[in-house]
């Protein structure tokens, strides 16, 4: 073999080896990117509080009744099972559901599915959440239809409900506020959808923005949901920043008593999974809200009619 042939043979072998290394690196990059996407989706999954509504005895298989003044809703199966879950939904179908409150056929979802809040999620968070949900165990549980009072039982009226009550669109940061405040606003208003439970609703079920986070007597399952504005008498205005962080991270109130009921579940499946930085941002945002005096202990007390019969 001539010296020229040896040189070309060496070059070919070198190039083949180099291409193999590049291919290996690219494959590793794709795998790492996929892992990053799923880890991102897992974090969004917990930050968005998905478990508390969609899990009864099987993770995300739905069926847990949510009793409201408008009737009883049965959250759907959102496992990747194709017939009874969301396995047949494309990523675009999923994004459209969160952003616009529409199913793949263009029908309106009821706002018991908190798309009025989820619409503010970033597209990247929506895509990551979709990717993560598609890795969960599939369940073939079929969910019973909602049992709603008329006229709310008519899904077609949702188009009228949305008019003037629902504005789709991604969260927009306030340039006048700090990055921490904006992150806290995103966590509370978009991902965590805190206002869906902590804000009272009008007779049509729309959140009253003038009473944002001021609590309600008619929360899920008819339970009282507290005022979490910084009002010193009826809200959490007497809580220090440190006490609020402790509550969000452990469920322990300033009086040393741990919260129970639905809030304990929400904290355990959502807030307690947040990073320290995100808890810090959430606390900053909540403490910045306008204080609203809303004495739920008085408003929610049952009417005492005993004096009528005395």
Protein backbone atom coordinates (compact mmCIF):
# COMPACT_ATOMS: atom_id res chain seq x y z
CA UNK A 1 0.00 0.00 0.00
CA UNK A 2 1.38 3.39 -0.96
CA UNK A 3 1.99 6.18 1.50
CA UNK A 4 -0.90 8.17 -0.07
CA UNK A 5 -3.30 5.23 0.41
CA UNK A 6 -2.24 4.90 4.05
CA UNK A 7 -2.84 8.63 4.58
CA UNK A 8 -6.34 8.53 3.06
CA UNK A 9 -7.19 5.36 4.98
CA UNK A 10 -6.12 7.02 8.23
CA UNK A 11 -8.19 10.08 7.44
CA UNK A 12 -11.28 8.00 6.66
CA UNK A 13 -10.89 6.06 9.90
CA UNK A 14 -10.43 9.31 11.82
CA UNK A 15 -13.54 10.86 10.25
CA UNK A 16 -15.59 7.72 10.97
CA UNK A 17 -14.49 7.80 14.59
CA UNK A 18 -15.21 11.53 14.82
CA UNK A 19 -18.71 11.07 13.36
CA UNK A 20 -19.34 8.29 15.85
CA UNK A 21 -18.34 10.54 18.74
CA UNK A 22 -20.50 13.39 17.40
CA UNK A 23 -23.44 11.02 16.97
CA UNK A 24 -23.00 9.77 20.51
CA UNK A 25 -22.85 13.32 21.87
CA UNK A 26 -25.98 14.29 19.92
CA UNK A 27 -27.86 11.26 21.23
CA UNK A 28 -26.80 12.13 24.74
CA UNK A 29 -27.96 15.70 24.15
CA UNK A 30 -31.39 14.54 23.02
CA UNK A 31 -31.68 12.24 26.04
CA UNK A 32 -30.61 15.01 28.41
CA UNK A 33 -33.06 17.42 26.77
CA UNK A 34 -35.86 14.87 27.21
CA UNK A 35 -34.90 14.35 30.85
CA UNK A 36 -34.85 18.11 31.40
CA UNK A 37 -38.29 18.46 29.79
CA UNK A 38 -39.79 15.76 32.02
CA UNK A 39 -38.20 17.20 35.15
CA UNK A 40 -39.56 20.61 34.17
CA UNK A 41 -42.97 19.04 33.60
CA UNK A 42 -42.86 17.28 36.95
CA UNK A 43 -42.22 20.57 38.71
CA UNK A 44 -45.06 22.28 36.83
CA UNK A 45 -47.31 19.32 37.68
CA UNK A 46 -46.85 19.91 41.40
CA UNK A 47 -46.83 23.72 41.20
CA UNK A 48 -50.13 23.59 39.29
CA UNK A 49 -51.81 21.55 42.03
CA UNK A 50 -53.06 18.86 39.66
CA UNK A 51 -53.30 16.03 42.19
CA UNK A 52 -55.84 17.45 44.63
CA UNK A 53 -58.70 17.58 42.09
CA UNK A 54 -57.85 14.75 39.70
CA UNK A 55 -56.88 12.03 42.18
CA UNK A 56 -59.21 9.86 44.19
CA UNK A 57 -57.66 6.40 44.64
CA UNK A 58 -55.65 6.34 41.37
CA UNK A 59 -53.15 9.03 40.45
CA UNK A 60 -54.78 11.53 38.07
CA UNK A 61 -57.55 9.08 37.11
CA UNK A 62 -60.27 11.56 38.11
CA UNK A 63 -63.69 10.81 39.53
CA UNK A 64 -63.42 12.70 42.81
CA UNK A 65 -66.64 14.73 43.20
CA UNK A 66 -66.34 18.49 43.65
CA UNK A 67 -69.53 19.89 45.15
CA UNK A 68 -70.29 23.53 44.29
CA UNK A 69 -73.35 25.84 44.43
CA UNK A 70 -73.86 25.03 40.72
CA UNK A 71 -73.93 21.27 41.17
CA UNK A 72 -71.38 18.48 41.39
CA UNK A 73 -68.43 18.26 39.01
CA UNK A 74 -66.47 15.06 38.40
CA UNK A 75 -62.90 15.88 37.33
CA UNK A 76 -61.80 13.85 34.30
CA UNK A 77 -59.26 11.12 33.90
CA UNK A 78 -56.07 12.85 32.72
CA UNK A 79 -53.83 9.80 32.51
CA UNK A 80 -52.44 8.87 29.06
CA UNK A 81 -55.12 6.20 28.47
CA UNK A 82 -56.43 6.86 24.96
CA UNK A 83 -60.14 6.07 25.38
CA UNK A 84 -60.95 7.39 28.84
CA UNK A 85 -57.96 9.64 29.49
CA UNK A 86 -56.06 12.22 27.45
CA UNK A 87 -53.82 9.82 25.54
CA UNK A 88 -55.48 10.71 22.23
CA UNK A 89 -54.91 14.45 22.72
CA UNK A 90 -52.08 16.04 20.79
CA UNK A 91 -49.84 18.57 22.44
CA UNK A 92 -51.73 21.33 20.60
CA UNK A 93 -55.06 19.95 21.88
CA UNK A 94 -53.69 20.11 25.40
CA UNK A 95 -52.35 23.64 25.01
CA UNK A 96 -55.67 24.78 23.56
CA UNK A 97 -57.55 23.33 26.55
CA UNK A 98 -55.39 25.28 28.99
CA UNK A 99 -55.21 28.48 26.96
CA UNK A 100 -58.75 28.70 25.57
CA UNK A 101 -60.85 26.30 27.62
CA UNK A 102 -61.84 24.32 24.53
CA UNK A 103 -61.76 20.59 23.81
CA UNK A 104 -60.50 19.14 20.50
CA UNK A 105 -64.01 19.49 19.01
CA UNK A 106 -64.22 23.19 19.90
CA UNK A 107 -66.65 22.64 22.79
CA UNK A 108 -66.30 24.73 25.93
CA UNK A 109 -65.02 23.31 29.17
CA UNK A 110 -66.71 24.31 32.40
CA UNK A 111 -64.55 26.71 34.45
CA UNK A 112 -64.47 24.20 37.31
CA UNK A 113 -61.43 23.22 35.22
CA UNK A 114 -59.41 26.31 36.18
CA UNK A 115 -58.46 27.39 32.68
CA UNK A 116 -59.28 31.03 33.59
CA UNK A 117 -56.04 30.79 35.58
CA UNK A 118 -54.12 28.22 33.52
CA UNK A 119 -54.55 30.38 30.41
CA UNK A 120 -51.78 32.55 31.87
CA UNK A 121 -49.23 29.73 31.87
CA UNK A 122 -46.30 29.99 29.50
CA UNK A 123 -46.39 27.74 26.48
CA UNK A 124 -43.17 26.11 27.67
CA UNK A 125 -44.80 25.15 30.97
CA UNK A 126 -47.85 23.78 29.16
CA UNK A 127 -45.69 21.66 26.85
CA UNK A 128 -43.60 20.36 29.73
CA UNK A 129 -46.72 19.47 31.71
CA UNK A 130 -48.15 17.58 28.73
CA UNK A 131 -44.91 15.62 28.33
CA UNK A 132 -44.90 14.67 32.01
CA UNK A 133 -48.57 13.64 32.13
CA UNK A 134 -47.94 11.30 29.20
CA UNK A 135 -45.44 9.34 31.35
CA UNK A 136 -47.93 8.58 34.15
CA UNK A 137 -49.59 5.16 34.54
CA UNK A 138 -52.66 4.92 32.30
CA UNK A 139 -56.03 4.25 33.89
CA UNK A 140 -59.16 3.01 32.12
CA UNK A 141 -61.50 4.62 34.63
CA UNK A 142 -64.54 6.10 32.91
CA UNK A 143 -65.81 9.26 34.58
CA UNK A 144 -69.46 9.90 35.20
CA UNK A 145 -71.00 13.09 33.74
CA UNK A 146 -71.34 16.24 35.83
CA UNK A 147 -74.54 16.64 37.80
CA UNK A 148 -75.34 20.35 37.47
CA UNK A 149 -78.35 22.54 38.16
CA UNK A 150 -80.12 24.18 35.24
CA UNK A 151 -79.13 26.40 33.42
CA UNK A 152 -75.51 25.49 34.22
CA UNK A 153 -76.16 21.98 32.90
CA UNK A 154 -76.22 23.45 29.39
CA UNK A 155 -72.64 23.42 28.11
CA UNK A 156 -73.64 25.65 25.20
CA UNK A 157 -74.19 28.56 27.59
CA UNK A 158 -70.47 28.55 28.38
CA UNK A 159 -69.85 30.73 25.33
CA UNK A 160 -72.02 33.40 26.95
CA UNK A 161 -70.31 32.85 30.29
CA UNK A 162 -66.91 33.42 28.73
CA UNK A 163 -67.97 36.72 27.16
CA UNK A 164 -66.72 39.39 29.54
CA UNK A 165 -65.60 36.84 32.14
CA UNK A 166 -62.67 35.09 30.49
CA UNK A 167 -59.66 36.64 28.81
CA UNK A 168 -57.22 34.12 27.35
CA UNK A 169 -53.55 34.95 27.25
CA UNK A 170 -50.15 34.33 28.76
CA UNK A 171 -48.99 36.02 31.96
CA UNK A 172 -47.36 39.38 31.35
CA UNK A 173 -44.76 40.53 33.85
CA UNK A 174 -45.15 43.94 35.48
CA UNK A 175 -41.99 45.91 34.64
CA UNK A 176 -42.54 48.08 37.70
CA UNK A 177 -42.22 45.06 40.00
CA UNK A 178 -39.24 42.91 40.97
CA UNK A 179 -38.50 39.54 39.35
CA UNK A 180 -39.40 37.86 42.65
CA UNK A 181 -42.79 39.60 42.78
CA UNK A 182 -43.55 38.66 39.17
CA UNK A 183 -42.57 35.04 39.80
CA UNK A 184 -44.85 35.00 42.85
CA UNK A 185 -47.71 36.48 40.82
CA UNK A 186 -47.21 33.80 38.16
CA UNK A 187 -47.19 31.04 40.77
CA UNK A 188 -50.34 32.33 42.50
CA UNK A 189 -52.38 33.51 39.52
CA UNK A 190 -51.41 31.05 36.79
CA UNK A 191 -49.89 27.81 38.04
CA UNK A 192 -51.22 27.62 41.59
CA UNK A 193 -54.59 29.18 40.64
CA UNK A 194 -55.00 30.27 44.28
CA UNK A 195 -57.78 32.72 43.46
CA UNK A 196 -60.01 29.94 42.09
CA UNK A 197 -60.71 28.88 45.68
CA UNK A 198 -59.78 31.95 47.74
CA UNK A 199 -61.78 34.51 45.73
CA UNK A 200 -65.59 34.70 46.09
CA UNK A 201 -67.73 34.31 42.98
CA UNK A 202 -70.76 36.13 41.65
CA UNK A 203 -74.12 34.51 40.89
CA UNK A 204 -72.79 33.29 37.54
CA UNK A 205 -69.68 31.72 39.02
CA UNK A 206 -67.18 34.34 37.87
CA UNK A 207 -64.46 35.37 40.31
CA UNK A 208 -65.00 38.79 41.86
CA UNK A 209 -61.76 40.61 41.18
CA UNK A 210 -62.73 43.36 43.63
CA UNK A 211 -62.58 40.68 46.37
CA UNK A 212 -59.45 38.95 45.11
CA UNK A 213 -58.13 36.41 47.65
CA UNK A 214 -60.58 37.66 50.32
CA UNK A 215 -62.01 34.20 51.00
CA UNK A 216 -65.46 32.73 50.61
CA UNK A 217 -68.13 30.78 52.49
CA UNK A 218 -68.85 28.59 49.46
CA UNK A 219 -65.56 26.98 48.53
CA UNK A 220 -65.17 23.42 47.23
CA UNK A 221 -67.57 21.00 48.93
CA UNK A 222 -69.27 23.98 50.57
CA UNK A 223 -66.35 24.68 52.88
CA UNK A 224 -65.12 28.03 54.09
CA UNK A 225 -61.95 29.17 52.31
CA UNK A 226 -60.02 31.81 54.29
CA UNK A 227 -59.12 35.39 53.50
CA UNK A 228 -55.41 35.45 52.56
CA UNK A 229 -55.09 39.17 51.89
CA UNK A 230 -52.91 41.12 54.34
CA UNK A 231 -55.90 42.51 56.25
CA UNK A 232 -54.84 42.53 59.90
CA UNK A 233 -58.26 41.68 61.34
CA UNK A 234 -59.76 39.15 58.92
CA UNK A 235 -56.83 38.06 56.75
CA UNK A 236 -53.17 37.17 57.31
CA UNK A 237 -51.91 40.72 57.86
CA UNK A 238 -50.56 39.80 61.30
CA UNK A 239 -48.38 37.04 59.88
CA UNK A 240 -44.70 37.82 59.46
CA UNK A 241 -42.87 36.92 56.28
CA UNK A 242 -41.16 34.07 58.13
CA UNK A 243 -44.47 32.72 59.45
CA UNK A 244 -45.97 32.75 55.97
CA UNK A 245 -42.97 30.89 54.55
CA UNK A 246 -43.27 28.32 57.36
CA UNK A 247 -46.97 27.85 56.63
CA UNK A 248 -46.46 27.40 52.89
CA UNK A 249 -43.61 24.97 53.45
CA UNK A 250 -44.99 22.95 56.38
CA UNK A 251 -48.66 23.82 56.96
CA UNK A 252 -47.88 25.17 60.44
CA UNK A 253 -49.82 28.29 61.41
CA UNK A 254 -48.33 31.08 63.57
CA UNK A 255 -50.28 29.71 66.56
CA UNK A 256 -48.45 26.40 66.25
CA UNK A 257 -51.46 24.49 64.93
CA UNK A 258 -51.13 22.67 61.62
CA UNK A 259 -53.74 23.29 58.97
CA UNK A 260 -56.06 20.45 58.05
CA UNK A 261 -58.71 19.52 55.53
CA UNK A 262 -58.34 20.59 51.90
CA UNK A 263 -55.57 23.12 52.53
CA UNK A 264 -53.34 20.47 54.07
CA UNK A 265 -53.81 18.41 50.92
CA UNK A 266 -53.09 21.36 48.64
CA UNK A 267 -49.93 22.24 50.56
CA UNK A 268 -48.73 18.64 50.62
CA UNK A 269 -49.25 18.06 46.92
CA UNK A 270 -48.21 21.50 45.68
CA UNK A 271 -46.63 24.24 47.80
CA UNK A 272 -44.42 21.90 49.79
CA UNK A 273 -42.88 20.72 46.50
CA UNK A 274 -41.77 24.23 45.51
CA UNK A 275 -38.18 25.40 45.73
CA UNK A 276 -37.15 27.80 48.47
CA UNK A 277 -36.84 30.56 45.89
CA UNK A 278 -40.39 30.01 44.67
CA UNK A 279 -41.79 29.95 48.21
CA UNK A 280 -39.98 33.23 48.81
CA UNK A 281 -41.50 34.75 45.66
CA UNK A 282 -44.99 33.51 46.53
CA UNK A 283 -44.79 35.01 50.02
CA UNK A 284 -43.58 38.35 48.63
CA UNK A 285 -46.53 38.47 46.24
CA UNK A 286 -49.18 37.49 48.80
CA UNK A 287 -47.95 40.08 51.28
CA UNK A 288 -48.14 42.77 48.59
CA UNK A 289 -51.86 42.29 47.87
CA UNK A 290 -54.35 45.01 48.85
CA UNK A 291 -55.81 44.16 52.26
CA UNK A 292 -59.55 43.40 52.11
CA UNK A 293 -61.68 43.25 55.23
CA UNK A 294 -63.90 40.19 54.89
CA UNK A 295 -65.14 38.75 58.17
CA UNK A 296 -65.96 35.20 57.14
CA UNK A 297 -66.57 34.06 60.72
CA UNK A 298 -69.60 36.34 60.75
CA UNK A 299 -70.66 35.95 57.12
CA UNK A 300 -70.47 32.18 57.12
CA UNK A 301 -72.10 31.58 60.50
CA UNK A 302 -75.44 29.75 60.24
CA UNK A 303 -78.50 31.93 60.74
CA UNK A 304 -79.77 31.66 64.32
CA UNK A 305 -83.56 31.75 64.21
CA UNK A 306 -84.09 30.66 67.81
CA UNK A 307 -85.17 34.17 68.84
CA UNK A 308 -88.26 33.82 66.64
CA UNK A 309 -89.60 31.07 68.86
CA UNK A 310 -88.74 32.59 72.24
